[in-house]
Amino acid sequence: MTDEQLIESFNWRYATKIFDPGAKIAEKTWHTLQESMRLSPSSFGLQPWHFVSITSSDLRQQLLPHSWGQKQVVDSSHMVVLCTRTDIDAAFVEEFIASTAEQRNVTVESLKGYRDVVVDFISAMTPEVRVQWCKRQTYLALQRLMDAAALLQVDACPIEGFLAAEYDKILDLPAKNLTATVCCALGYRSSEDKYAELAKSRFPKEKLFTEL
């Protein structure tokens, strides 16, 4: 991919308002989008998230009244609820360190210094502050998903306009130590979506960058 092709992909992307309900994401493409989320960066590499993909039309209809009536929730090919883990603690870090040791073919003992740094860091936060910190990590996964979608010419619309408490209830997230943080509808734009043809409204580079 050239520099020009990359920027062209990002110019092509927009927050899709009207999806074509009949246009579905191919299985291979969806697996690629899933992998892009799995490979997202996070502080310490902790991955304090879980991704709930909803294709059930019944579930989507239940979520719609709690989504400000945004039709993307029901019309898109895939609806992803990016959730934040609420149980990030020393035990979770131990699980993460064990997984890292296995994947890198090293001993758990060799990662003790790293483990101690992470545990000390998260232990210094209150549970409420820790969840907020984890939510900020979850947004990194959202951006990775949206970038990957743009490069694959899959339309996407990030959604913050929803009642997280209601999503949590409907999807039974607290029982899994999760809370809904942000959503993303994915699929293909409808020819009736007038926003697809609008020029992007962005400040000029001179207003946004400072070089020192």
N, C-alpha and C. Protein backbone atom coordinates (compact mmCIF):
# COMPACT_ATOMS: atom_id res chain seq x y z
N MET A 1 0.83 -1.19 0.00
CA MET A 1 0.00 0.00 0.00
C MET A 1 0.87 1.25 0.00
N THR A 2 0.55 2.19 -0.85
CA THR A 2 1.30 3.44 -0.92
C THR A 2 0.79 4.43 0.11
N ASP A 3 1.57 5.48 0.33
CA ASP A 3 1.12 6.55 1.23
C ASP A 3 -0.21 7.13 0.75
N GLU A 4 -0.32 7.32 -0.56
CA GLU A 4 -1.52 7.91 -1.12
C GLU A 4 -2.74 7.00 -0.92
N GLN A 5 -2.53 5.70 -1.07
CA GLN A 5 -3.64 4.76 -0.89
C GLN A 5 -4.13 4.73 0.55
N LEU A 6 -3.20 4.87 1.48
CA LEU A 6 -3.59 4.91 2.89
C LEU A 6 -4.49 6.10 3.18
N ILE A 7 -4.06 7.28 2.74
CA ILE A 7 -4.86 8.49 2.98
C ILE A 7 -6.19 8.41 2.23
N GLU A 8 -6.18 7.82 1.05
CA GLU A 8 -7.42 7.65 0.30
C GLU A 8 -8.41 6.80 1.07
N SER A 9 -7.93 5.76 1.74
CA SER A 9 -8.80 4.89 2.54
C SER A 9 -9.43 5.65 3.69
N PHE A 10 -8.63 6.52 4.33
CA PHE A 10 -9.16 7.28 5.46
C PHE A 10 -10.11 8.38 5.00
N ASN A 11 -9.90 8.89 3.79
CA ASN A 11 -10.85 9.86 3.25
C ASN A 11 -12.15 9.19 2.84
N TRP A 12 -12.05 7.93 2.41
CA TRP A 12 -13.24 7.16 2.02
C TRP A 12 -14.12 6.86 3.23
N ARG A 13 -13.49 6.66 4.37
CA ARG A 13 -14.20 6.32 5.59
C ARG A 13 -15.05 7.49 6.10
N TYR A 14 -16.20 7.18 6.60
CA TYR A 14 -17.03 8.18 7.28
C TYR A 14 -17.92 7.44 8.26
N ALA A 15 -18.52 8.16 9.19
CA ALA A 15 -19.42 7.53 10.16
C ALA A 15 -20.73 7.22 9.45
N THR A 16 -20.88 6.00 9.01
CA THR A 16 -22.00 5.59 8.18
C THR A 16 -23.33 5.74 8.93
N LYS A 17 -24.24 6.47 8.33
CA LYS A 17 -25.53 6.72 8.96
C LYS A 17 -26.59 5.71 8.54
N ILE A 18 -26.53 5.26 7.28
CA ILE A 18 -27.51 4.31 6.77
C ILE A 18 -26.78 3.12 6.16
N PHE A 19 -26.98 1.96 6.76
CA PHE A 19 -26.40 0.73 6.23
C PHE A 19 -27.38 0.03 5.31
N ASP A 20 -26.85 -0.73 4.38
CA ASP A 20 -27.66 -1.61 3.55
C ASP A 20 -27.86 -2.90 4.32
N PRO A 21 -29.08 -3.18 4.81
CA PRO A 21 -29.32 -4.36 5.65
C PRO A 21 -29.02 -5.68 4.95
N GLY A 22 -29.08 -5.67 3.61
CA GLY A 22 -28.85 -6.89 2.86
C GLY A 22 -27.40 -7.17 2.55
N ALA A 23 -26.52 -6.22 2.81
CA ALA A 23 -25.10 -6.38 2.49
C ALA A 23 -24.36 -6.90 3.71
N LYS A 24 -23.85 -8.11 3.63
CA LYS A 24 -23.21 -8.74 4.77
C LYS A 24 -21.69 -8.85 4.58
N ILE A 25 -20.97 -8.73 5.68
CA ILE A 25 -19.52 -8.87 5.67
C ILE A 25 -19.16 -10.34 5.48
N ALA A 26 -18.27 -10.62 4.54
CA ALA A 26 -17.85 -12.00 4.29
C ALA A 26 -17.13 -12.55 5.52
N GLU A 27 -17.24 -13.86 5.72
CA GLU A 27 -16.66 -14.51 6.89
C GLU A 27 -15.16 -14.24 7.00
N LYS A 28 -14.44 -14.34 5.89
CA LYS A 28 -12.99 -14.12 5.92
C LYS A 28 -12.66 -12.69 6.34
N THR A 29 -13.42 -11.74 5.81
CA THR A 29 -13.20 -10.33 6.16
C THR A 29 -13.50 -10.09 7.64
N TRP A 30 -14.57 -10.71 8.13
CA TRP A 30 -14.92 -10.54 9.54
C TRP A 30 -13.82 -11.11 10.44
N HIS A 31 -13.28 -12.25 10.07
CA HIS A 31 -12.19 -12.83 10.86
C HIS A 31 -10.97 -11.90 10.88
N THR A 32 -10.73 -11.23 9.77
CA THR A 32 -9.62 -10.28 9.71
C THR A 32 -9.88 -9.09 10.64
N LEU A 33 -11.11 -8.61 10.67
CA LEU A 33 -11.46 -7.50 11.55
C LEU A 33 -11.34 -7.93 13.02
N GLN A 34 -11.75 -9.15 13.32
CA GLN A 34 -11.59 -9.67 14.68
C GLN A 34 -10.11 -9.70 15.07
N GLU A 35 -9.29 -10.16 14.15
CA GLU A 35 -7.87 -10.26 14.44
C GLU A 35 -7.25 -8.88 14.64
N SER A 36 -7.75 -7.89 13.91
CA SER A 36 -7.23 -6.53 14.09
C SER A 36 -7.51 -6.04 15.50
N MET A 37 -8.69 -6.39 16.05
CA MET A 37 -9.00 -6.01 17.42
C MET A 37 -8.12 -6.77 18.42
N ARG A 38 -7.94 -8.05 18.15
CA ARG A 38 -7.14 -8.87 19.05
C ARG A 38 -5.70 -8.37 19.14
N LEU A 39 -5.21 -7.80 18.05
CA LEU A 39 -3.83 -7.32 17.99
C LEU A 39 -3.69 -5.85 18.41
N SER A 40 -4.75 -5.28 18.95
CA SER A 40 -4.71 -3.88 19.36
C SER A 40 -3.70 -3.66 20.49
N PRO A 41 -3.08 -2.49 20.52
CA PRO A 41 -2.16 -2.17 21.61
C PRO A 41 -2.93 -1.81 22.88
N SER A 42 -2.30 -2.02 24.01
CA SER A 42 -2.87 -1.60 25.29
C SER A 42 -1.73 -1.37 26.27
N SER A 43 -1.99 -0.56 27.28
CA SER A 43 -0.97 -0.27 28.28
C SER A 43 -0.52 -1.56 28.96
N PHE A 44 0.79 -1.78 29.01
CA PHE A 44 1.39 -3.00 29.56
C PHE A 44 1.02 -4.24 28.75
N GLY A 45 0.25 -4.07 27.68
CA GLY A 45 -0.20 -5.22 26.92
C GLY A 45 -1.29 -6.02 27.62
N LEU A 46 -1.96 -5.41 28.59
CA LEU A 46 -2.90 -6.15 29.45
C LEU A 46 -4.20 -6.59 28.75
N GLN A 47 -4.60 -5.86 27.71
CA GLN A 47 -5.83 -6.20 26.99
C GLN A 47 -7.04 -6.27 27.93
N PRO A 48 -7.38 -5.16 28.59
CA PRO A 48 -8.46 -5.18 29.59
C PRO A 48 -9.84 -5.06 28.95
N TRP A 49 -10.12 -5.88 27.96
CA TRP A 49 -11.34 -5.74 27.19
C TRP A 49 -11.92 -7.09 26.80
N HIS A 50 -13.13 -7.03 26.26
CA HIS A 50 -13.77 -8.19 25.66
C HIS A 50 -14.70 -7.65 24.59
N PHE A 51 -14.81 -8.34 23.47
CA PHE A 51 -15.60 -7.84 22.34
C PHE A 51 -16.81 -8.74 22.11
N VAL A 52 -17.99 -8.15 22.17
CA VAL A 52 -19.23 -8.90 21.97
C VAL A 52 -19.78 -8.55 20.59
N SER A 53 -19.80 -9.53 19.71
CA SER A 53 -20.33 -9.34 18.36
C SER A 53 -21.77 -9.83 18.32
N ILE A 54 -22.67 -8.96 17.89
CA ILE A 54 -24.10 -9.29 17.91
C ILE A 54 -24.65 -9.33 16.48
N THR A 55 -25.03 -10.52 16.06
CA THR A 55 -25.71 -10.67 14.78
C THR A 55 -27.18 -11.02 14.97
N SER A 56 -27.56 -11.40 16.20
CA SER A 56 -28.95 -11.74 16.50
C SER A 56 -29.86 -10.53 16.31
N SER A 57 -30.83 -10.65 15.42
CA SER A 57 -31.75 -9.52 15.18
C SER A 57 -32.62 -9.26 16.41
N ASP A 58 -32.96 -10.30 17.15
CA ASP A 58 -33.77 -10.12 18.36
C ASP A 58 -33.04 -9.29 19.40
N LEU A 59 -31.77 -9.61 19.62
CA LEU A 59 -30.98 -8.85 20.59
C LEU A 59 -30.81 -7.41 20.14
N ARG A 60 -30.61 -7.22 18.87
CA ARG A 60 -30.42 -5.85 18.36
C ARG A 60 -31.69 -5.02 18.56
N GLN A 61 -32.82 -5.63 18.34
CA GLN A 61 -34.08 -4.93 18.55
C GLN A 61 -34.25 -4.54 20.02
N GLN A 62 -33.78 -5.39 20.92
CA GLN A 62 -33.83 -5.06 22.34
C GLN A 62 -32.92 -3.88 22.67
N LEU A 63 -31.80 -3.79 21.97
CA LEU A 63 -30.83 -2.73 22.25
C LEU A 63 -31.24 -1.39 21.63
N LEU A 64 -32.01 -1.45 20.54
CA LEU A 64 -32.35 -0.23 19.79
C LEU A 64 -32.96 0.88 20.66
N PRO A 65 -33.94 0.60 21.52
CA PRO A 65 -34.53 1.68 22.32
C PRO A 65 -33.52 2.33 23.28
N HIS A 66 -32.44 1.64 23.56
CA HIS A 66 -31.42 2.16 24.47
C HIS A 66 -30.22 2.72 23.71
N SER A 67 -30.44 2.94 22.40
CA SER A 67 -29.37 3.42 21.52
C SER A 67 -29.79 4.70 20.79
N TRP A 68 -30.64 5.48 21.45
CA TRP A 68 -31.15 6.71 20.87
C TRP A 68 -31.83 6.46 19.52
N GLY A 69 -32.34 5.23 19.32
CA GLY A 69 -33.04 4.92 18.08
C GLY A 69 -32.18 4.89 16.84
N GLN A 70 -30.87 4.76 17.01
CA GLN A 70 -29.96 4.77 15.86
C GLN A 70 -30.09 3.45 15.09
N LYS A 71 -30.55 3.55 13.84
CA LYS A 71 -30.87 2.37 13.04
C LYS A 71 -29.63 1.55 12.67
N GLN A 72 -28.46 2.15 12.80
CA GLN A 72 -27.25 1.38 12.51
C GLN A 72 -27.17 0.12 13.38
N VAL A 73 -27.75 0.21 14.57
CA VAL A 73 -27.72 -0.91 15.51
C VAL A 73 -28.40 -2.14 14.93
N VAL A 74 -29.47 -1.94 14.16
CA VAL A 74 -30.22 -3.09 13.63
C VAL A 74 -29.95 -3.35 12.15
N ASP A 75 -29.48 -2.35 11.41
CA ASP A 75 -29.33 -2.51 9.96
C ASP A 75 -27.93 -2.94 9.52
N SER A 76 -26.94 -2.77 10.36
CA SER A 76 -25.57 -3.12 9.97
C SER A 76 -25.39 -4.63 9.90
N SER A 77 -24.35 -5.05 9.22
CA SER A 77 -24.05 -6.48 9.13
C SER A 77 -23.63 -7.03 10.47
N HIS A 78 -22.72 -6.33 11.14
CA HIS A 78 -22.22 -6.75 12.45
C HIS A 78 -22.27 -5.57 13.42
N MET A 79 -22.61 -5.86 14.63
CA MET A 79 -22.65 -4.86 15.70
C MET A 79 -21.72 -5.35 16.80
N VAL A 80 -20.70 -4.56 17.09
CA VAL A 80 -19.72 -4.95 18.11
C VAL A 80 -19.85 -4.05 19.32
N VAL A 81 -20.00 -4.65 20.48
CA VAL A 81 -19.98 -3.92 21.74
C VAL A 81 -18.61 -4.15 22.35
N LEU A 82 -17.82 -3.10 22.43
CA LEU A 82 -16.49 -3.20 23.01
C LEU A 82 -16.62 -2.96 24.51
N CYS A 83 -16.33 -3.99 25.27
CA CYS A 83 -16.54 -3.97 26.71
C CYS A 83 -15.22 -3.84 27.45
N THR A 84 -15.30 -3.24 28.62
CA THR A 84 -14.14 -3.11 29.49
C THR A 84 -14.26 -4.11 30.63
N ARG A 85 -13.16 -4.75 30.96
CA ARG A 85 -13.15 -5.66 32.09
C ARG A 85 -13.14 -4.86 33.39
N THR A 86 -13.92 -5.32 34.35
CA THR A 86 -13.99 -4.63 35.64
C THR A 86 -13.24 -5.40 36.72
N ASP A 87 -12.54 -6.46 36.32
CA ASP A 87 -11.88 -7.32 37.30
C ASP A 87 -10.35 -7.33 37.14
N ILE A 88 -9.80 -6.23 36.63
CA ILE A 88 -8.36 -6.16 36.48
C ILE A 88 -7.72 -6.01 37.86
N ASP A 89 -7.05 -7.06 38.31
CA ASP A 89 -6.42 -7.07 39.63
C ASP A 89 -5.15 -7.92 39.55
N ALA A 90 -4.56 -8.19 40.70
CA ALA A 90 -3.31 -8.95 40.73
C ALA A 90 -3.50 -10.34 40.12
N ALA A 91 -4.65 -10.95 40.37
CA ALA A 91 -4.91 -12.28 39.83
C ALA A 91 -4.97 -12.26 38.30
N PHE A 92 -5.57 -11.22 37.75
CA PHE A 92 -5.61 -11.09 36.29
C PHE A 92 -4.21 -10.91 35.73
N VAL A 93 -3.40 -10.12 36.42
CA VAL A 93 -2.02 -9.91 35.97
C VAL A 93 -1.26 -11.23 35.97
N GLU A 94 -1.49 -12.06 36.97
CA GLU A 94 -0.84 -13.37 37.03
C GLU A 94 -1.22 -14.21 35.81
N GLU A 95 -2.50 -14.17 35.45
CA GLU A 95 -2.98 -14.90 34.27
C GLU A 95 -2.31 -14.36 33.00
N PHE A 96 -2.21 -13.04 32.92
CA PHE A 96 -1.58 -12.39 31.76
C PHE A 96 -0.10 -12.77 31.67
N ILE A 97 0.60 -12.75 32.80
CA ILE A 97 2.02 -13.10 32.81
C ILE A 97 2.22 -14.55 32.40
N ALA A 98 1.37 -15.44 32.90
CA ALA A 98 1.48 -16.86 32.55
C ALA A 98 1.27 -17.07 31.05
N SER A 99 0.29 -16.35 30.49
CA SER A 99 0.03 -16.45 29.05
C SER A 99 1.21 -15.92 28.25
N THR A 100 1.77 -14.80 28.69
CA THR A 100 2.92 -14.21 28.00
C THR A 100 4.12 -15.15 28.04
N ALA A 101 4.36 -15.74 29.19
CA ALA A 101 5.49 -16.66 29.33
C ALA A 101 5.34 -17.84 28.38
N GLU A 102 4.13 -18.37 28.28
CA GLU A 102 3.89 -19.51 27.40
C GLU A 102 4.11 -19.14 25.94
N GLN A 103 3.58 -17.98 25.53
CA GLN A 103 3.67 -17.57 24.13
C GLN A 103 5.10 -17.20 23.73
N ARG A 104 5.87 -16.72 24.68
CA ARG A 104 7.25 -16.32 24.38
C ARG A 104 8.27 -17.40 24.75
N ASN A 105 7.75 -18.51 25.26
CA ASN A 105 8.60 -19.65 25.62
C ASN A 105 9.68 -19.26 26.62
N VAL A 106 9.24 -18.55 27.66
CA VAL A 106 10.15 -18.18 28.76
C VAL A 106 9.47 -18.61 30.06
N THR A 107 10.20 -18.53 31.16
CA THR A 107 9.61 -18.91 32.44
C THR A 107 8.83 -17.75 33.05
N VAL A 108 7.85 -18.10 33.86
CA VAL A 108 7.09 -17.08 34.58
C VAL A 108 8.02 -16.30 35.51
N GLU A 109 8.99 -17.00 36.10
CA GLU A 109 9.92 -16.36 37.03
C GLU A 109 10.73 -15.26 36.34
N SER A 110 11.03 -15.44 35.07
CA SER A 110 11.84 -14.44 34.35
C SER A 110 11.07 -13.14 34.14
N LEU A 111 9.75 -13.18 34.30
CA LEU A 111 8.91 -12.00 34.10
C LEU A 111 8.48 -11.36 35.41
N LYS A 112 9.08 -11.80 36.51
CA LYS A 112 8.66 -11.31 37.83
C LYS A 112 8.81 -9.80 37.96
N GLY A 113 9.92 -9.25 37.48
CA GLY A 113 10.11 -7.80 37.58
C GLY A 113 9.02 -7.04 36.85
N TYR A 114 8.66 -7.52 35.66
CA TYR A 114 7.60 -6.90 34.87
C TYR A 114 6.26 -7.04 35.59
N ARG A 115 6.01 -8.23 36.12
CA ARG A 115 4.78 -8.50 36.84
C ARG A 115 4.63 -7.56 38.03
N ASP A 116 5.71 -7.34 38.76
CA ASP A 116 5.67 -6.48 39.95
C ASP A 116 5.36 -5.04 39.58
N VAL A 117 5.93 -4.57 38.48
CA VAL A 117 5.68 -3.20 38.03
C VAL A 117 4.19 -3.01 37.70
N VAL A 118 3.63 -3.98 36.99
CA VAL A 118 2.22 -3.87 36.59
C VAL A 118 1.30 -3.93 37.81
N VAL A 119 1.57 -4.87 38.71
CA VAL A 119 0.74 -5.00 39.91
C VAL A 119 0.82 -3.73 40.76
N ASP A 120 2.01 -3.19 40.93
CA ASP A 120 2.15 -1.96 41.71
C ASP A 120 1.38 -0.82 41.08
N PHE A 121 1.42 -0.75 39.74
CA PHE A 121 0.74 0.33 39.03
C PHE A 121 -0.77 0.26 39.23
N ILE A 122 -1.36 -0.91 39.00
CA ILE A 122 -2.82 -1.00 39.09
C ILE A 122 -3.29 -0.97 40.54
N SER A 123 -2.44 -1.40 41.46
CA SER A 123 -2.83 -1.40 42.88
C SER A 123 -2.88 0.01 43.45
N ALA A 124 -2.19 0.94 42.80
CA ALA A 124 -2.17 2.32 43.29
C ALA A 124 -3.46 3.07 42.95
N MET A 125 -4.31 2.46 42.10
CA MET A 125 -5.56 3.10 41.70
C MET A 125 -6.74 2.53 42.48
N THR A 126 -7.73 3.36 42.71
CA THR A 126 -8.99 2.85 43.28
C THR A 126 -9.67 2.01 42.21
N PRO A 127 -10.58 1.12 42.59
CA PRO A 127 -11.29 0.31 41.59
C PRO A 127 -11.99 1.17 40.54
N GLU A 128 -12.56 2.31 40.95
CA GLU A 128 -13.27 3.18 40.01
C GLU A 128 -12.30 3.80 39.00
N VAL A 129 -11.18 4.28 39.49
CA VAL A 129 -10.18 4.88 38.61
C VAL A 129 -9.60 3.83 37.67
N ARG A 130 -9.43 2.62 38.18
CA ARG A 130 -8.88 1.53 37.36
C ARG A 130 -9.80 1.21 36.19
N VAL A 131 -11.12 1.18 36.44
CA VAL A 131 -12.05 0.91 35.35
C VAL A 131 -11.99 2.01 34.30
N GLN A 132 -11.90 3.26 34.74
CA GLN A 132 -11.80 4.37 33.79
C GLN A 132 -10.52 4.27 32.97
N TRP A 133 -9.43 3.87 33.60
CA TRP A 133 -8.17 3.68 32.89
C TRP A 133 -8.31 2.57 31.85
N CYS A 134 -8.98 1.50 32.23
CA CYS A 134 -9.19 0.40 31.30
C CYS A 134 -10.09 0.80 30.14
N LYS A 135 -11.06 1.65 30.40
CA LYS A 135 -11.94 2.11 29.32
C LYS A 135 -11.16 2.88 28.27
N ARG A 136 -10.19 3.65 28.71
CA ARG A 136 -9.36 4.38 27.74
C ARG A 136 -8.57 3.41 26.86
N GLN A 137 -8.18 2.29 27.42
CA GLN A 137 -7.49 1.28 26.61
C GLN A 137 -8.46 0.70 25.57
N THR A 138 -9.71 0.53 25.95
CA THR A 138 -10.70 -0.06 25.05
C THR A 138 -10.88 0.79 23.80
N TYR A 139 -10.74 2.09 23.94
CA TYR A 139 -10.87 2.97 22.78
C TYR A 139 -9.74 2.75 21.77
N LEU A 140 -8.60 2.26 22.23
CA LEU A 140 -7.53 1.93 21.30
C LEU A 140 -7.96 0.79 20.38
N ALA A 141 -8.69 -0.17 20.93
CA ALA A 141 -9.19 -1.29 20.12
C ALA A 141 -10.24 -0.81 19.12
N LEU A 142 -11.07 0.15 19.53
CA LEU A 142 -12.05 0.72 18.61
C LEU A 142 -11.35 1.36 17.41
N GLN A 143 -10.31 2.14 17.68
CA GLN A 143 -9.60 2.81 16.58
C GLN A 143 -8.95 1.80 15.66
N ARG A 144 -8.37 0.75 16.23
CA ARG A 144 -7.76 -0.28 15.39
C ARG A 144 -8.81 -0.94 14.49
N LEU A 145 -9.99 -1.21 15.05
CA LEU A 145 -11.07 -1.81 14.27
C LEU A 145 -11.50 -0.89 13.13
N MET A 146 -11.66 0.39 13.42
CA MET A 146 -12.12 1.32 12.40
C MET A 146 -11.09 1.52 11.30
N ASP A 147 -9.81 1.56 11.68
CA ASP A 147 -8.76 1.70 10.67
C ASP A 147 -8.72 0.47 9.76
N ALA A 148 -8.80 -0.71 10.38
CA ALA A 148 -8.79 -1.95 9.59
C ALA A 148 -9.99 -1.99 8.65
N ALA A 149 -11.15 -1.58 9.15
CA ALA A 149 -12.35 -1.57 8.32
C ALA A 149 -12.16 -0.65 7.11
N ALA A 150 -11.60 0.52 7.34
CA ALA A 150 -11.39 1.46 6.24
C ALA A 150 -10.46 0.88 5.19
N LEU A 151 -9.41 0.21 5.63
CA LEU A 151 -8.45 -0.37 4.69
C LEU A 151 -9.07 -1.51 3.89
N LEU A 152 -10.06 -2.19 4.49
CA LEU A 152 -10.74 -3.30 3.81
C LEU A 152 -12.01 -2.85 3.09
N GLN A 153 -12.26 -1.53 3.10
CA GLN A 153 -13.45 -0.97 2.47
C GLN A 153 -14.74 -1.54 3.08
N VAL A 154 -14.71 -1.66 4.40
CA VAL A 154 -15.90 -2.01 5.16
C VAL A 154 -16.35 -0.75 5.90
N ASP A 155 -17.61 -0.42 5.79
CA ASP A 155 -18.11 0.78 6.44
C ASP A 155 -18.30 0.55 7.94
N ALA A 156 -18.12 1.63 8.70
CA ALA A 156 -18.22 1.53 10.15
C ALA A 156 -18.81 2.80 10.73
N CYS A 157 -19.44 2.65 11.88
CA CYS A 157 -19.95 3.81 12.61
C CYS A 157 -19.75 3.58 14.11
N PRO A 158 -18.84 4.35 14.73
CA PRO A 158 -18.68 4.23 16.18
C PRO A 158 -19.90 4.82 16.87
N ILE A 159 -20.31 4.19 17.96
CA ILE A 159 -21.53 4.63 18.66
C ILE A 159 -21.25 4.76 20.15
N GLU A 160 -21.35 5.99 20.64
CA GLU A 160 -21.30 6.24 22.08
C GLU A 160 -22.68 6.57 22.63
N GLY A 161 -23.60 6.87 21.72
CA GLY A 161 -24.94 7.26 22.13
C GLY A 161 -25.80 6.05 22.49
N PHE A 162 -25.54 5.51 23.66
CA PHE A 162 -26.34 4.38 24.14
C PHE A 162 -26.29 4.37 25.67
N LEU A 163 -27.23 3.68 26.27
CA LEU A 163 -27.29 3.59 27.73
C LEU A 163 -26.54 2.34 28.17
N ALA A 164 -25.34 2.54 28.66
CA ALA A 164 -24.47 1.42 29.00
C ALA A 164 -25.10 0.49 30.03
N ALA A 165 -25.80 1.07 31.00
CA ALA A 165 -26.41 0.25 32.05
C ALA A 165 -27.44 -0.71 31.46
N GLU A 166 -28.19 -0.25 30.46
CA GLU A 166 -29.19 -1.11 29.83
C GLU A 166 -28.53 -2.18 28.97
N TYR A 167 -27.48 -1.80 28.25
CA TYR A 167 -26.73 -2.79 27.48
C TYR A 167 -26.17 -3.86 28.41
N ASP A 168 -25.64 -3.41 29.55
CA ASP A 168 -25.08 -4.36 30.51
C ASP A 168 -26.13 -5.39 30.95
N LYS A 169 -27.35 -4.89 31.20
CA LYS A 169 -28.43 -5.79 31.64
C LYS A 169 -28.81 -6.78 30.54
N ILE A 170 -29.06 -6.26 29.35
CA ILE A 170 -29.53 -7.10 28.25
C ILE A 170 -28.50 -8.16 27.88
N LEU A 171 -27.23 -7.78 27.89
CA LEU A 171 -26.17 -8.71 27.49
C LEU A 171 -25.57 -9.47 28.67
N ASP A 172 -26.12 -9.24 29.87
CA ASP A 172 -25.67 -9.92 31.08
C ASP A 172 -24.16 -9.74 31.29
N LEU A 173 -23.70 -8.54 31.14
CA LEU A 173 -22.26 -8.27 31.20
C LEU A 173 -21.68 -8.27 32.62
N PRO A 174 -22.37 -7.72 33.63
CA PRO A 174 -21.78 -7.73 34.98
C PRO A 174 -21.43 -9.12 35.47
N ALA A 175 -22.21 -10.13 35.08
CA ALA A 175 -21.93 -11.51 35.50
C ALA A 175 -20.60 -11.99 34.93
N LYS A 176 -20.14 -11.33 33.86
CA LYS A 176 -18.88 -11.70 33.22
C LYS A 176 -17.77 -10.71 33.57
N ASN A 177 -18.03 -9.85 34.57
CA ASN A 177 -17.07 -8.81 34.97
C ASN A 177 -16.74 -7.87 33.81
N LEU A 178 -17.81 -7.46 33.10
CA LEU A 178 -17.65 -6.57 31.95
C LEU A 178 -18.65 -5.43 32.04
N THR A 179 -18.33 -4.35 31.34
CA THR A 179 -19.28 -3.25 31.18
C THR A 179 -19.13 -2.69 29.77
N ALA A 180 -20.26 -2.36 29.13
CA ALA A 180 -20.23 -1.83 27.77
C ALA A 180 -19.60 -0.44 27.78
N THR A 181 -18.65 -0.23 26.89
CA THR A 181 -17.92 1.04 26.85
C THR A 181 -18.22 1.85 25.59
N VAL A 182 -18.15 1.20 24.44
CA VAL A 182 -18.41 1.88 23.17
C VAL A 182 -18.81 0.80 22.17
N CYS A 183 -19.55 1.19 21.14
CA CYS A 183 -20.00 0.23 20.13
C CYS A 183 -19.50 0.62 18.75
N CYS A 184 -19.55 -0.34 17.84
CA CYS A 184 -19.21 -0.04 16.45
C CYS A 184 -20.07 -0.91 15.55
N ALA A 185 -20.85 -0.25 14.69
CA ALA A 185 -21.65 -0.95 13.69
C ALA A 185 -20.82 -1.06 12.42
N LEU A 186 -20.86 -2.23 11.79
CA LEU A 186 -20.04 -2.47 10.60
C LEU A 186 -20.87 -3.12 9.51
N GLY A 187 -20.56 -2.78 8.28
CA GLY A 187 -21.28 -3.35 7.15
C GLY A 187 -20.96 -2.56 5.90
N TYR A 188 -22.00 -2.26 5.12
CA TYR A 188 -21.79 -1.54 3.87
C TYR A 188 -22.86 -0.47 3.71
N ARG A 189 -22.43 0.70 3.28
CA ARG A 189 -23.30 1.86 3.20
C ARG A 189 -24.45 1.67 2.21
N SER A 190 -25.54 2.29 2.53
CA SER A 190 -26.68 2.32 1.61
C SER A 190 -26.48 3.43 0.59
N SER A 191 -26.99 3.23 -0.61
CA SER A 191 -26.90 4.27 -1.64
C SER A 191 -27.73 5.49 -1.25
N GLU A 192 -28.58 5.34 -0.24
CA GLU A 192 -29.43 6.45 0.20
C GLU A 192 -28.76 7.31 1.27
N ASP A 193 -27.55 6.92 1.69
CA ASP A 193 -26.88 7.69 2.74
C ASP A 193 -26.18 8.91 2.13
N LYS A 194 -26.79 10.06 2.30
CA LYS A 194 -26.26 11.28 1.69
C LYS A 194 -24.92 11.69 2.28
N TYR A 195 -24.62 11.24 3.49
CA TYR A 195 -23.39 11.64 4.15
C TYR A 195 -22.15 11.03 3.49
N ALA A 196 -22.36 9.99 2.70
CA ALA A 196 -21.23 9.33 2.05
C ALA A 196 -20.52 10.25 1.06
N GLU A 197 -21.24 11.19 0.50
CA GLU A 197 -20.66 12.05 -0.53
C GLU A 197 -20.18 13.40 0.00
N LEU A 198 -20.40 13.66 1.27
CA LEU A 198 -19.99 14.95 1.81
C LEU A 198 -18.47 15.02 2.00
N ALA A 199 -17.92 16.19 1.75
CA ALA A 199 -16.48 16.39 1.97
C ALA A 199 -16.20 16.33 3.46
N LYS A 200 -15.03 15.81 3.82
CA LYS A 200 -14.66 15.77 5.23
C LYS A 200 -14.44 17.17 5.75
N SER A 201 -14.91 17.41 6.96
CA SER A 201 -14.69 18.70 7.61
C SER A 201 -13.59 18.53 8.65
N ARG A 202 -12.40 18.97 8.32
CA ARG A 202 -11.26 18.85 9.21
C ARG A 202 -10.48 20.16 9.23
N PHE A 203 -9.93 20.50 10.39
CA PHE A 203 -9.08 21.69 10.46
C PHE A 203 -7.83 21.46 9.62
N PRO A 204 -7.23 22.53 9.10
CA PRO A 204 -5.99 22.38 8.33
C PRO A 204 -4.85 21.93 9.23
N LYS A 205 -3.87 21.32 8.61
CA LYS A 205 -2.73 20.78 9.35
C LYS A 205 -2.06 21.84 10.20
N GLU A 206 -2.01 23.08 9.70
CA GLU A 206 -1.32 24.15 10.41
C GLU A 206 -1.97 24.45 11.76
N LYS A 207 -3.25 24.17 11.86
CA LYS A 207 -3.97 24.45 13.11
C LYS A 207 -3.79 23.32 14.12
N LEU A 208 -3.47 22.14 13.63
CA LEU A 208 -3.45 20.94 14.47
C LEU A 208 -2.07 20.47 14.90
N PHE A 209 -1.05 20.91 14.19
CA PHE A 209 0.30 20.41 14.47
C PHE A 209 1.24 21.53 14.87
N THR A 210 2.08 21.23 15.83
CA THR A 210 3.16 22.13 16.20
C THR A 210 4.47 21.36 16.11
N GLU A 211 5.43 21.92 15.40
CA GLU A 211 6.73 21.28 15.27
C GLU A 211 7.76 22.10 16.02
N LEU A 212 8.46 21.47 16.93
CA LEU A 212 9.42 22.17 17.79
C LEU A 212 10.84 21.68 17.50
